[in-house]
C-alpha atoms as a PDB file:
ATOM      1  CA  MET A   1      -3.533   2.467  10.115  1.00  0.00           C
ATOM      2  CA  LEU A   2      -1.503   4.990   8.377  1.00  0.00           C
ATOM      3  CA  ASN A   3      -3.861   7.809   9.803  1.00  0.00           C
ATOM      4  CA  ASP A   4      -1.410  10.634  12.098  1.00  0.00           C
ATOM      5  CA  SER A   5       1.283   8.521  11.288  1.00  0.00           C
ATOM      6  CA  SER A   6       5.041   9.309  10.387  1.00  0.00           C
ATOM      7  CA  ILE A   7       6.053   7.544   6.701  1.00  0.00           C
ATOM      8  CA  LEU A   8       9.269   7.732   5.295  1.00  0.00           C
ATOM      9  CA  ILE A   9       9.587   6.901   1.660  1.00  0.00           C
ATOM     10  CA  THR A  10      13.305   6.381   0.169  1.00  0.00           C
ATOM     11  CA  GLY A  11      13.713   7.295  -3.943  1.00  0.00           C
ATOM     12  CA  GLY A  12      10.599   9.560  -2.764  1.00  0.00           C
ATOM     13  CA  THR A  13      11.268  12.016  -5.613  1.00  0.00           C
ATOM     14  CA  GLY A  14      10.722   9.101  -8.568  1.00  0.00           C
ATOM     15  CA  SER A  15       7.625   8.210 -10.075  1.00  0.00           C
ATOM     16  CA  PHE A  16       6.289   6.464  -7.744  1.00  0.00           C
ATOM     17  CA  GLY A  17       6.699   8.966  -4.903  1.00  0.00           C
ATOM     18  CA  HIS A  18       5.155  11.667  -6.856  1.00  0.00           C
ATOM     19  CA  THR A  19       2.151   9.466  -6.724  1.00  0.00           C
ATOM     20  CA  PHE A  20       2.160   8.122  -3.687  1.00  0.00           C
ATOM     21  CA  VAL A  21       2.200  11.192  -1.958  1.00  0.00           C
ATOM     22  CA  PRO A  22      -0.250  12.916  -2.661  1.00  0.00           C
ATOM     23  CA  MET A  23      -2.417   9.891  -2.513  1.00  0.00           C
ATOM     24  CA  THR A  24      -1.713   9.190   1.114  1.00  0.00           C
ATOM     25  CA  LEU A  25      -1.942  12.946   2.064  1.00  0.00           C
ATOM     26  CA  ALA A  26      -5.356  13.150   1.014  1.00  0.00           C
ATOM     27  CA  ARG A  27      -6.623   9.516   2.109  1.00  0.00           C
ATOM     28  CA  TYR A  28      -4.706   9.069   5.388  1.00  0.00           C
ATOM     29  CA  ASN A  29      -3.572  12.481   6.469  1.00  0.00           C
ATOM     30  CA  PRO A  30      -0.175  11.618   7.845  1.00  0.00           C
ATOM     31  CA  ARG A  31       1.633  13.879  10.867  1.00  0.00           C
ATOM     32  CA  ARG A  32       4.634  13.602   8.583  1.00  0.00           C
ATOM     33  CA  LEU A  33       5.512  12.512   4.955  1.00  0.00           C
ATOM     34  CA  VAL A  34       9.041  12.579   4.933  1.00  0.00           C
ATOM     35  CA  ILE A  35      10.802  12.385   1.047  1.00  0.00           C
ATOM     36  CA  PHE A  36      14.330  10.903   1.570  1.00  0.00           C
ATOM     37  CA  SER A  37      16.389  10.834  -1.559  1.00  0.00           C
ATOM     38  CA  ARG A  38      19.876  12.000  -2.668  1.00  0.00           C
ATOM     39  CA  ASP A  39      18.714  14.616  -5.483  1.00  0.00           C
ATOM     40  CA  GLU A  40      18.695  18.013  -4.086  1.00  0.00           C
ATOM     41  CA  MET A  41      17.358  19.690  -7.489  1.00  0.00           C
ATOM     42  CA  LYS A  42      14.792  16.893  -7.613  1.00  0.00           C
ATOM     43  CA  GLN A  43      13.518  17.744  -4.071  1.00  0.00           C
ATOM     44  CA  TRP A  44      13.328  21.279  -4.664  1.00  0.00           C
ATOM     45  CA  GLU A  45      11.081  20.649  -7.744  1.00  0.00           C
ATOM     46  CA  MET A  46       8.707  18.699  -5.636  1.00  0.00           C
ATOM     47  CA  ALA A  47       8.828  20.646  -2.745  1.00  0.00           C
ATOM     48  CA  LYS A  48       7.160  23.562  -4.756  1.00  0.00           C
ATOM     49  CA  LEU A  49       4.058  20.986  -5.564  1.00  0.00           C
ATOM     50  CA  TYR A  50       3.205  20.986  -1.532  1.00  0.00           C
ATOM     51  CA  GLY A  51       3.618  24.808  -0.582  1.00  0.00           C
ATOM     52  CA  ASP A  52       3.096  25.507   3.255  1.00  0.00           C
ATOM     53  CA  ASP A  53       1.996  21.585   4.044  1.00  0.00           C
ATOM     54  CA  ASP A  54       3.694  21.423   6.766  1.00  0.00           C
ATOM     55  CA  ARG A  55       2.979  17.747   6.550  1.00  0.00           C
ATOM     56  CA  VAL A  56       5.717  16.898   3.841  1.00  0.00           C
ATOM     57  CA  ARG A  57       9.038  16.781   4.887  1.00  0.00           C
ATOM     58  CA  PHE A  58      12.300  16.341   2.538  1.00  0.00           C
ATOM     59  CA  PHE A  59      15.649  14.692   3.475  1.00  0.00           C
ATOM     60  CA  ILE A  60      18.740  14.745   1.408  1.00  0.00           C
ATOM     61  CA  GLY A  61      20.394  11.237   2.298  1.00  0.00           C
ATOM     62  CA  ASP A  62      21.110   8.015   0.250  1.00  0.00           C
ATOM     63  CA  VAL A  63      20.392   4.422   1.393  1.00  0.00           C
ATOM     64  CA  ARG A  64      24.375   3.401   0.578  1.00  0.00           C
ATOM     65  CA  ASP A  65      24.664   5.905   3.930  1.00  0.00           C
ATOM     66  CA  LYS A  66      23.577   3.885   7.236  1.00  0.00           C
ATOM     67  CA  ASP A  67      24.203   6.718   9.363  1.00  0.00           C
ATOM     68  CA  ARG A  68      22.462   8.941   7.438  1.00  0.00           C
ATOM     69  CA  LEU A  69      19.133   6.195   7.503  1.00  0.00           C
ATOM     70  CA  VAL A  70      19.385   6.090  11.327  1.00  0.00           C
ATOM     71  CA  ARG A  71      19.195  10.195  11.633  1.00  0.00           C
ATOM     72  CA  ALA A  72      16.291  10.265   9.070  1.00  0.00           C
ATOM     73  CA  LEU A  73      14.416   7.188  10.587  1.00  0.00           C
ATOM     74  CA  ASP A  74      13.879   9.186  14.026  1.00  0.00           C
ATOM     75  CA  GLY A  75      10.367   8.697  14.800  1.00  0.00           C
ATOM     76  CA  ILE A  76       9.043   7.059  11.725  1.00  0.00           C
ATOM     77  CA  ASP A  77       6.256   4.160  12.271  1.00  0.00           C
ATOM     78  CA  TYR A  78       6.053   3.232   8.425  1.00  0.00           C
ATOM     79  CA  VAL A  79       8.630   2.956   5.411  1.00  0.00           C
ATOM     80  CA  VAL A  80       8.268   2.789   2.104  1.00  0.00           C
ATOM     81  CA  HIS A  81      11.308   1.424   0.140  1.00  0.00           C
ATOM     82  CA  ALA A  82      11.608   3.058  -3.653  1.00  0.00           C
ATOM     83  CA  ALA A  83      15.170   3.747  -3.693  1.00  0.00           C
ATOM     84  CA  ALA A  84      16.996   1.670  -6.087  1.00  0.00           C
ATOM     85  CA  THR A  85      19.255   1.741  -9.707  1.00  0.00           C
ATOM     86  CA  LYS A  86      16.701   0.136 -11.784  1.00  0.00           C
ATOM     87  CA  ILE A  87      17.485   0.932 -15.807  1.00  0.00           C
ATOM     88  CA  VAL A  88      18.477  -2.519 -17.136  1.00  0.00           C
ATOM     89  CA  PRO A  89      21.480  -1.106 -19.333  1.00  0.00           C
ATOM     90  CA  THR A  90      22.307   1.215 -16.828  1.00  0.00           C
ATOM     91  CA  ALA A  91      23.012  -1.952 -14.317  1.00  0.00           C
ATOM     92  CA  GLU A  92      24.682  -4.212 -16.756  1.00  0.00           C
ATOM     93  CA  TYR A  93      27.139  -1.630 -17.109  1.00  0.00           C
ATOM     94  CA  ASN A  94      27.876  -0.305 -13.920  1.00  0.00           C
ATOM     95  CA  PRO A  95      27.022  -3.546 -11.994  1.00  0.00           C
ATOM     96  CA  PHE A  96      29.126  -2.450  -8.787  1.00  0.00           C
ATOM     97  CA  GLU A  97      26.893   0.514  -8.230  1.00  0.00           C
ATOM     98  CA  CYS A  98      24.008  -1.535  -8.907  1.00  0.00           C
ATOM     99  CA  VAL A  99      24.858  -3.668  -6.223  1.00  0.00           C
ATOM    100  CA  LYS A 100      25.831  -0.836  -3.622  1.00  0.00           C
ATOM    101  CA  THR A 101      22.193   0.716  -3.723  1.00  0.00           C
ATOM    102  CA  ASN A 102      20.088  -2.157  -4.406  1.00  0.00           C
ATOM    103  CA  ILE A 103      21.573  -5.024  -2.028  1.00  0.00           C
ATOM    104  CA  ASN A 104      24.037  -2.803   0.296  1.00  0.00           C
ATOM    105  CA  GLY A 105      21.081  -0.196   0.671  1.00  0.00           C
ATOM    106  CA  ALA A 106      18.447  -2.803   1.679  1.00  0.00           C
ATOM    107  CA  MET A 107      20.587  -4.169   4.240  1.00  0.00           C
ATOM    108  CA  ASN A 108      21.202  -0.599   5.881  1.00  0.00           C
ATOM    109  CA  LEU A 109      17.529   0.317   5.552  1.00  0.00           C
ATOM    110  CA  ILE A 110      16.611  -3.319   7.557  1.00  0.00           C
ATOM    111  CA  ASP A 111      19.117  -2.756  10.298  1.00  0.00           C
ATOM    112  CA  ALA A 112      17.965   1.292  10.656  1.00  0.00           C
ATOM    113  CA  CYS A 113      14.546   0.310  10.531  1.00  0.00           C
ATOM    114  CA  ILE A 114      15.111  -2.334  13.146  1.00  0.00           C
ATOM    115  CA  ASP A 115      17.511  -0.063  15.616  1.00  0.00           C
ATOM    116  CA  ARG A 116      14.340   2.712  14.912  1.00  0.00           C
ATOM    117  CA  ARG A 117      12.064   0.573  15.971  1.00  0.00           C
ATOM    118  CA  VAL A 118       9.976   1.385  12.717  1.00  0.00           C
ATOM    119  CA  LYS A 119       6.725  -0.874  12.681  1.00  0.00           C
ATOM    120  CA  ARG A 120       6.424  -2.020   9.047  1.00  0.00           C
ATOM    121  CA  VAL A 121       8.359  -1.312   6.036  1.00  0.00           C
ATOM    122  CA  VAL A 122       7.125  -2.276   2.384  1.00  0.00           C
ATOM    123  CA  ALA A 123       9.547  -2.823  -0.094  1.00  0.00           C
ATOM    124  CA  LEU A 124       9.003  -1.902  -3.791  1.00  0.00           C
ATOM    125  CA  SER A 125      10.311  -5.054  -6.123  1.00  0.00           C
ATOM    126  CA  THR A 126       9.913  -5.606  -9.694  1.00  0.00           C
ATOM    127  CA  ASP A 127       8.937  -8.859 -12.225  1.00  0.00           C
ATOM    128  CA  LYS A 128      12.732  -8.956 -13.003  1.00  0.00           C
ATOM    129  CA  ALA A 129      13.568 -10.229  -9.609  1.00  0.00           C
ATOM    130  CA  SER A 130      11.236 -13.431 -10.692  1.00  0.00           C
ATOM    131  CA  ASN A 131      14.073 -15.711 -12.660  1.00  0.00           C
ATOM    132  CA  PRO A 132      16.257 -13.099 -13.272  1.00  0.00           C
ATOM    133  CA  ALA A 133      18.221 -12.530 -16.432  1.00  0.00           C
ATOM    134  CA  ASN A 134      19.932  -9.501 -15.753  1.00  0.00           C
ATOM    135  CA  LEU A 135      21.943  -7.952 -13.198  1.00  0.00           C
ATOM    136  CA  TYR A 136      18.913  -5.569 -11.703  1.00  0.00           C
ATOM    137  CA  GLY A 137      16.547  -8.653 -11.378  1.00  0.00           C
ATOM    138  CA  ALA A 138      19.280 -10.629  -9.998  1.00  0.00           C
ATOM    139  CA  THR A 139      20.151  -7.655  -7.193  1.00  0.00           C
ATOM    140  CA  LYS A 140      16.468  -6.981  -6.339  1.00  0.00           C
ATOM    141  CA  LEU A 141      16.148 -10.514  -5.864  1.00  0.00           C
ATOM    142  CA  ALA A 142      18.640 -10.613  -3.236  1.00  0.00           C
ATOM    143  CA  SER A 143      16.921  -7.373  -1.841  1.00  0.00           C
ATOM    144  CA  ASP A 144      13.352  -8.980  -1.789  1.00  0.00           C
ATOM    145  CA  LYS A 145      15.221 -12.149   0.386  1.00  0.00           C
ATOM    146  CA  LEU A 146      16.740  -9.800   2.742  1.00  0.00           C
ATOM    147  CA  PHE A 147      13.505  -8.032   3.359  1.00  0.00           C
ATOM    148  CA  VAL A 148      11.910 -11.555   3.977  1.00  0.00           C
ATOM    149  CA  ALA A 149      14.399 -12.739   6.441  1.00  0.00           C
ATOM    150  CA  GLY A 150      14.314  -9.356   7.972  1.00  0.00           C
ATOM    151  CA  ASN A 151      11.324 -10.525   9.761  1.00  0.00           C
ATOM    152  CA  SER A 152      13.657 -13.272  11.781  1.00  0.00           C
ATOM    153  CA  TYR A 153      16.796 -10.756  11.698  1.00  0.00           C
ATOM    154  CA  SER A 154      14.700  -8.191  13.946  1.00  0.00           C
ATOM    155  CA  GLY A 155      14.596 -10.551  16.879  1.00  0.00           C
ATOM    156  CA  SER A 156      12.473  -9.443  19.668  1.00  0.00           C
ATOM    157  CA  HIS A 157      11.956  -5.980  17.799  1.00  0.00           C
ATOM    158  CA  GLU A 158       8.678  -5.758  16.523  1.00  0.00           C
ATOM    159  CA  THR A 159       9.452  -4.151  13.176  1.00  0.00           C
ATOM    160  CA  ARG A 160       7.938  -6.123   9.942  1.00  0.00           C
ATOM    161  CA  PHE A 161       8.794  -6.292   6.479  1.00  0.00           C
ATOM    162  CA  ALA A 162       6.912  -6.953   3.041  1.00  0.00           C
ATOM    163  CA  VAL A 163       7.522  -6.501  -0.716  1.00  0.00           C
ATOM    164  CA  VAL A 164       5.244  -5.478  -3.224  1.00  0.00           C
ATOM    165  CA  ARG A 165       6.254  -6.507  -7.172  1.00  0.00           C
ATOM    166  CA  TYR A 166       5.298  -4.503  -9.829  1.00  0.00           C
ATOM    167  CA  GLY A 167       5.179  -4.963 -13.795  1.00  0.00           C
ATOM    168  CA  ASN A 168       5.431  -2.217 -16.047  1.00  0.00           C
ATOM    169  CA  VAL A 169       4.437   1.096 -14.751  1.00  0.00           C
ATOM    170  CA  MET A 170       2.951   2.930 -17.206  1.00  0.00           C
ATOM    171  CA  GLY A 171       3.695   6.226 -18.217  1.00  0.00           C
ATOM    172  CA  SER A 172       6.591   6.625 -15.689  1.00  0.00           C
ATOM    173  CA  ARG A 173       9.893   8.492 -16.329  1.00  0.00           C
ATOM    174  CA  GLY A 174      11.842   6.787 -18.749  1.00  0.00           C
ATOM    175  CA  SER A 175       9.472   3.981 -19.356  1.00  0.00           C
ATOM    176  CA  VAL A 176       8.205   2.566 -23.225  1.00  0.00           C
ATOM    177  CA  ILE A 177       5.015   5.018 -23.386  1.00  0.00           C
ATOM    178  CA  PRO A 178       6.674   8.294 -22.985  1.00  0.00           C
ATOM    179  CA  PHE A 179       9.613   7.173 -24.993  1.00  0.00           C
ATOM    180  CA  PHE A 180       7.488   5.976 -27.850  1.00  0.00           C
ATOM    181  CA  MET A 181       5.409   9.181 -27.714  1.00  0.00           C
ATOM    182  CA  GLY A 182       8.848  11.173 -27.813  1.00  0.00           C
ATOM    183  CA  LEU A 183       9.632   9.305 -31.102  1.00  0.00           C
ATOM    184  CA  ALA A 184       5.998   9.339 -32.607  1.00  0.00           C
ATOM    185  CA  ASP A 185       6.679  12.470 -34.777  1.00  0.00           C
ATOM    186  CA  LYS A 186       9.666  10.516 -36.544  1.00  0.00           C
ATOM    187  CA  GLY A 187       7.332   8.067 -38.280  1.00  0.00           C
ATOM    188  CA  SER A 188       9.274   4.981 -36.904  1.00  0.00           C
ATOM    189  CA  LEU A 189       9.157   3.268 -33.655  1.00  0.00           C
ATOM    190  CA  PRO A 190      12.393   1.005 -32.671  1.00  0.00           C
ATOM    191  CA  ILE A 191      10.376  -2.614 -31.459  1.00  0.00           C
ATOM    192  CA  THR A 192      13.044  -5.043 -29.795  1.00  0.00           C
ATOM    193  CA  ASP A 193      10.914  -7.895 -30.581  1.00  0.00           C
ATOM    194  CA  GLU A 194       7.303  -8.541 -32.320  1.00  0.00           C
ATOM    195  CA  ARG A 195       7.047 -11.495 -29.953  1.00  0.00           C
ATOM    196  CA  MET A 196       7.608  -9.065 -26.976  1.00  0.00           C
ATOM    197  CA  THR A 197       5.011  -8.406 -23.875  1.00  0.00           C
ATOM    198  CA  ARG A 198       4.729  -6.637 -20.884  1.00  0.00           C
ATOM    199  CA  PHE A 199       2.390  -6.639 -17.575  1.00  0.00           C
ATOM    200  CA  MET A 200       0.652  -3.159 -17.656  1.00  0.00           C
ATOM    201  CA  ILE A 201       0.090  -1.221 -13.845  1.00  0.00           C
ATOM    202  CA  SER A 202      -0.820   2.016 -13.433  1.00  0.00           C
ATOM    203  CA  LEU A 203       1.223   4.156 -10.458  1.00  0.00           C
ATOM    204  CA  GLU A 204      -2.370   4.612  -8.870  1.00  0.00           C
ATOM    205  CA  GLN A 205      -2.647   0.364  -8.617  1.00  0.00           C
ATOM    206  CA  GLY A 206       1.010   0.661  -7.495  1.00  0.00           C
ATOM    207  CA  VAL A 207       0.327   2.696  -4.568  1.00  0.00           C
ATOM    208  CA  GLU A 208      -3.106   1.007  -3.645  1.00  0.00           C
ATOM    209  CA  LEU A 209      -1.269  -1.989  -3.242  1.00  0.00           C
ATOM    210  CA  VAL A 210       1.563  -0.918  -1.099  1.00  0.00           C
ATOM    211  CA  TRP A 211      -1.307   0.355   1.206  1.00  0.00           C
ATOM    212  CA  HIS A 212      -3.086  -3.440   1.161  1.00  0.00           C
ATOM    213  CA  ALA A 213       0.370  -4.426   1.709  1.00  0.00           C
ATOM    214  CA  PHE A 214       0.875  -2.604   4.834  1.00  0.00           C
ATOM    215  CA  GLU A 215      -2.505  -3.431   6.046  1.00  0.00           C
ATOM    216  CA  ASP A 216      -2.517  -7.179   5.566  1.00  0.00           C
ATOM    217  CA  MET A 217       1.301  -7.798   6.489  1.00  0.00           C
ATOM    218  CA  VAL A 218       2.254 -10.423   8.983  1.00  0.00           C
ATOM    219  CA  GLY A 219       5.844 -10.196   8.004  1.00  0.00           C
ATOM    220  CA  GLY A 220       7.706 -11.535   4.531  1.00  0.00           C
ATOM    221  CA  GLU A 221       4.855 -11.361   2.293  1.00  0.00           C
ATOM    222  CA  ILE A 222       5.517 -10.645  -1.393  1.00  0.00           C
ATOM    223  CA  TYR A 223       2.208  -9.105  -2.860  1.00  0.00           C
ATOM    224  CA  VAL A 224       1.750  -9.485  -6.783  1.00  0.00           C
ATOM    225  CA  LYS A 225      -0.957  -7.200  -8.419  1.00  0.00           C
ATOM    226  CA  LYS A 226      -3.488  -9.089 -10.761  1.00  0.00           C
ATOM    227  CA  ILE A 227      -3.060  -6.927 -13.785  1.00  0.00           C
ATOM    228  CA  PRO A 228      -3.614  -6.946 -17.802  1.00  0.00           C
ATOM    229  CA  SER A 229      -0.478  -7.603 -20.274  1.00  0.00           C
ATOM    230  CA  MET A 230      -0.003  -6.208 -23.613  1.00  0.00           C
ATOM    231  CA  LYS A 231       2.044  -6.645 -26.657  1.00  0.00           C
ATOM    232  CA  VAL A 232       4.835  -4.173 -27.194  1.00  0.00           C
ATOM    233  CA  VAL A 233       3.601  -3.769 -30.950  1.00  0.00           C
ATOM    234  CA  ASP A 234       0.408  -3.358 -29.669  1.00  0.00           C
ATOM    235  CA  LEU A 235       1.511  -0.554 -27.136  1.00  0.00           C
ATOM    236  CA  ALA A 236       3.087   1.162 -30.385  1.00  0.00           C
ATOM    237  CA  ARG A 237      -0.220   1.125 -32.367  1.00  0.00           C
ATOM    238  CA  ALA A 238      -1.902   2.750 -29.194  1.00  0.00           C
ATOM    239  CA  VAL A 239       0.868   5.432 -29.112  1.00  0.00           C
ATOM    240  CA  ALA A 240       1.467   5.876 -33.135  1.00  0.00           C
ATOM    241  CA  PRO A 241      -1.141   4.399 -35.019  1.00  0.00           C
ATOM    242  CA  ASP A 242       0.652   5.491 -38.421  1.00  0.00           C
ATOM    243  CA  ALA A 243       4.408   4.635 -37.608  1.00  0.00           C
ATOM    244  CA  THR A 244       6.596   1.969 -38.978  1.00  0.00           C
ATOM    245  CA  HIS A 245       8.498  -0.549 -36.798  1.00  0.00           C
ATOM    246  CA  GLU A 246      11.943  -0.895 -36.841  1.00  0.00           C
ATOM    247  CA  ILE A 247      12.822  -4.480 -35.140  1.00  0.00           C
ATOM    248  CA  VAL A 248      16.130  -3.523 -33.151  1.00  0.00           C
ATOM    249  CA  GLY A 249      16.348  -6.735 -31.060  1.00  0.00           C
ATOM    250  CA  ILE A 250      16.559  -6.897 -27.613  1.00  0.00           C
ATOM    251  CA  ARG A 251      19.112  -5.017 -25.406  1.00  0.00           C
ATOM    252  CA  PRO A 252      21.477  -6.962 -22.832  1.00  0.00           C
ATOM    253  CA  GLY A 253      19.876  -8.636 -19.916  1.00  0.00           C
ATOM    254  CA  GLU A 254      16.532  -7.955 -21.487  1.00  0.00           C
ATOM    255  CA  LYS A 255      13.416 -10.570 -21.079  1.00  0.00           C
ATOM    256  CA  LEU A 256      11.502 -11.205 -24.003  1.00  0.00           C
ATOM    257  CA  HIS A 257       8.457 -11.694 -21.578  1.00  0.00           C
ATOM    258  CA  GLU A 258       7.986 -10.597 -17.926  1.00  0.00           C
ATOM    259  CA  GLN A 259       7.438 -12.983 -14.889  1.00  0.00           C
ATOM    260  CA  MET A 260       6.196 -12.251 -11.737  1.00  0.00           C
ATOM    261  CA  ILE A 261       5.668 -15.677  -9.878  1.00  0.00           C
ATOM    262  CA  GLY A 262       7.780 -18.776 -11.289  1.00  0.00           C
ATOM    263  CA  THR A 263       7.062 -22.424 -10.582  1.00  0.00           C
ATOM    264  CA  GLU A 264       9.850 -21.809  -7.892  1.00  0.00           C
ATOM    265  CA  ASP A 265       7.647 -20.067  -5.881  1.00  0.00           C
ATOM    266  CA  ALA A 266       3.757 -21.922  -6.871  1.00  0.00           C
ATOM    267  CA  LEU A 267       4.195 -24.091  -3.657  1.00  0.00           C
ATOM    268  CA  HIS A 268       4.337 -21.016  -1.567  1.00  0.00           C
ATOM    269  CA  THR A 269       1.807 -18.780  -3.437  1.00  0.00           C
ATOM    270  CA  TYR A 270      -1.988 -18.112  -2.810  1.00  0.00           C
ATOM    271  CA  GLU A 271      -4.698 -16.282  -4.604  1.00  0.00           C
ATOM    272  CA  TYR A 272      -6.910 -13.511  -3.913  1.00  0.00           C
ATOM    273  CA  ASP A 273      -9.531 -11.316  -5.593  1.00  0.00           C
ATOM    274  CA  ASP A 274      -7.033  -9.035  -7.336  1.00  0.00           C
ATOM    275  CA  HIS A 275      -3.713 -10.015  -6.145  1.00  0.00           C
ATOM    276  CA  PHE A 276      -1.278 -12.976  -5.342  1.00  0.00           C
ATOM    277  CA  LYS A 277       0.619 -13.397  -2.301  1.00  0.00           C
ATOM    278  CA  ILE A 278       4.009 -15.377  -1.765  1.00  0.00           C
ATOM    279  CA  LEU A 279       4.564 -16.432   1.523  1.00  0.00           C
ATOM    280  CA  PRO A 280       8.282 -16.925   2.763  1.00  0.00           C
ATOM    281  CA  ALA A 281       9.516 -20.368   2.566  1.00  0.00           C
ATOM    282  CA  ILE A 282      11.802 -19.985   5.731  1.00  0.00           C
ATOM    283  CA  HIS A 283      10.502 -21.109   9.148  1.00  0.00           C
ATOM    284  CA  GLY A 284       7.664 -22.475   8.127  1.00  0.00           C
ATOM    285  CA  TRP A 285       5.754 -19.245   7.410  1.00  0.00           C
ATOM    286  CA  SER A 286       4.023 -20.230   4.428  1.00  0.00           C
ATOM    287  CA  ASN A 287       1.794 -22.699   6.157  1.00  0.00           C
ATOM    288  CA  ASP A 288       0.736 -19.763   8.830  1.00  0.00           C
ATOM    289  CA  PRO A 289      -2.900 -19.124   8.749  1.00  0.00           C
ATOM    290  CA  SER A 290      -2.569 -15.559   9.698  1.00  0.00           C
ATOM    291  CA  ARG A 291      -0.284 -14.940   6.293  1.00  0.00           C
ATOM    292  CA  ILE A 292      -2.685 -17.253   4.131  1.00  0.00           C
ATOM    293  CA  ASN A 293      -5.618 -14.930   5.868  1.00  0.00           C
ATOM    294  CA  GLY A 294      -8.385 -16.924   3.021  1.00  0.00           C
ATOM    295  CA  GLY A 295      -6.260 -17.065   0.070  1.00  0.00           C
ATOM    296  CA  VAL A 296      -6.540 -19.964  -2.226  1.00  0.00           C
ATOM    297  CA  LYS A 297      -3.077 -22.038  -2.837  1.00  0.00           C
ATOM    298  CA  VAL A 298      -2.095 -21.735  -6.615  1.00  0.00           C
ATOM    299  CA  ALA A 299      -1.179 -25.169  -8.933  1.00  0.00           C
ATOM    300  CA  PRO A 300       2.039 -26.377  -8.227  1.00  0.00           C
ATOM    301  CA  ASP A 301       3.122 -25.819 -11.751  1.00  0.00           C
ATOM    302  CA  PHE A 302       1.615 -22.096 -11.697  1.00  0.00           C
ATOM    303  CA  ILE A 303       3.432 -19.003 -13.584  1.00  0.00           C
ATOM    304  CA  TYR A 304       2.327 -15.519 -13.948  1.00  0.00           C
ATOM    305  CA  SER A 305       3.844 -14.747 -16.858  1.00  0.00           C
ATOM    306  CA  SER A 306       2.943 -11.418 -19.171  1.00  0.00           C
ATOM    307  CA  ASN A 307       2.634 -14.108 -22.471  1.00  0.00           C
ATOM    308  CA  ILE A 308       0.050 -16.585 -20.646  1.00  0.00           C
ATOM    309  CA  ASN A 309      -1.819 -13.801 -18.438  1.00  0.00           C
ATOM    310  CA  PRO A 310      -5.354 -14.198 -19.254  1.00  0.00           C
ATOM    311  CA  GLU A 311      -6.106 -10.540 -18.623  1.00  0.00           C
ATOM    312  CA  TRP A 312      -5.139  -8.374 -21.563  1.00  0.00           C
ATOM    313  CA  MET A 313      -5.142  -4.524 -22.598  1.00  0.00           C
ATOM    314  CA  THR A 314      -6.287  -3.509 -25.706  1.00  0.00           C
ATOM    315  CA  ILE A 315      -5.122  -0.969 -28.205  1.00  0.00           C
ATOM    316  CA  GLU A 316      -8.514   1.152 -27.448  1.00  0.00           C
ATOM    317  CA  GLN A 317      -8.065   0.735 -23.728  1.00  0.00           C
ATOM    318  CA  LEU A 318      -4.481   2.034 -23.731  1.00  0.00           C
ATOM    319  CA  ARG A 319      -5.451   5.145 -25.955  1.00  0.00           C
ATOM    320  CA  ALA A 320      -7.960   5.967 -23.596  1.00  0.00           C
ATOM    321  CA  TRP A 321      -5.460   6.030 -20.554  1.00  0.00           C
ATOM    322  CA  ILE A 322      -3.091   8.071 -22.318  1.00  0.00           C
ATOM    323  CA  ASP A 323      -5.910  10.437 -23.517  1.00  0.00           C
ATOM    324  CA  SER A 324      -6.664  10.855 -20.053  1.00  0.00           C
ATOM    325  CA  ASN A 325      -2.907  10.902 -18.608  1.00  0.00           C
ATOM    326  CA  CYS A 326      -1.461  12.872 -20.998  1.00  0.00           C
ATOM    327  CA  GLU A 327      -0.328  15.708 -18.806  1.00  0.00           C
ATOM    328  CA  LYS A 328       1.726  13.797 -16.438  1.00  0.00           C
ATOM    329  CA  ILE A 329       2.846  10.789 -18.810  1.00  0.00           C
ATOM    330  CA  GLY A 330       6.866  10.955 -18.532  1.00  0.00           C
ATOM    331  CA  ARG A 331       7.001  13.812 -16.267  1.00  0.00           C
ATOM    332  CA  ILE A 332       7.457  12.115 -13.065  1.00  0.00           C
END
């Protein structure tokens, strides 16, 4: 599907973009892959990685600026929406800015994609959008709803929208693994709560889920990858086995456990071999055979939460992953 196509990724200089771009260039050989973001220095640094590869283009812009999006989307077939204000404490203390990017930006992108007749759009979401306890999660829930509804809002246009939902992305910039690695030499690591658990997904798995969404989507689906959980204390032991732990308490807006599917969505959720799919409740789309596509409906009380996940990552497995990926952890 993506072969010889034109693809644009918003927020493309972030951790996801740094993995999506080389993987997609290698697998699909798109005609053009446009990195749309607002940070010229990050674009300059990223451009050096691709030298004279004329498939890779860079476009300065902000999702808050609809006119700039309309210009950037000229001739684009597929869009990955990765731009977001996503650090939980930052969102709590800068709520207006979070809303402008995560909600208003989503509205701008939906309008611009429809007007430019983009074929398909996949938006990245977060576990925090399921039963949100912080502003970031609330804005991403609103964004998810906007992208789902965009499939009816597009009217006679053929633009289709879907969402993929992730947990903790291992080794991404600003995440817990590089944070702990930076403190390992001090001999003590801050732990918010000994009971805390998190989902664990690699950037490569995230990219593959986006590819699957592009291939599978009819419009309005939310894709959730089946991934293992891990206790934060075990994560700390994997990074720094000899370090002591200092319990510092949960930050404003932070959850004890991650949830990607709640009981509210269970009535419209289907299970597949390696993922779940939440179908849209509007317009009876959750009963559409083309959207169900062979899935098995989950139990009415189903919850996909990191503390009751049947699959767990061990300390040894995480250490092996760190050893294999140490050169890129926290750098992208």
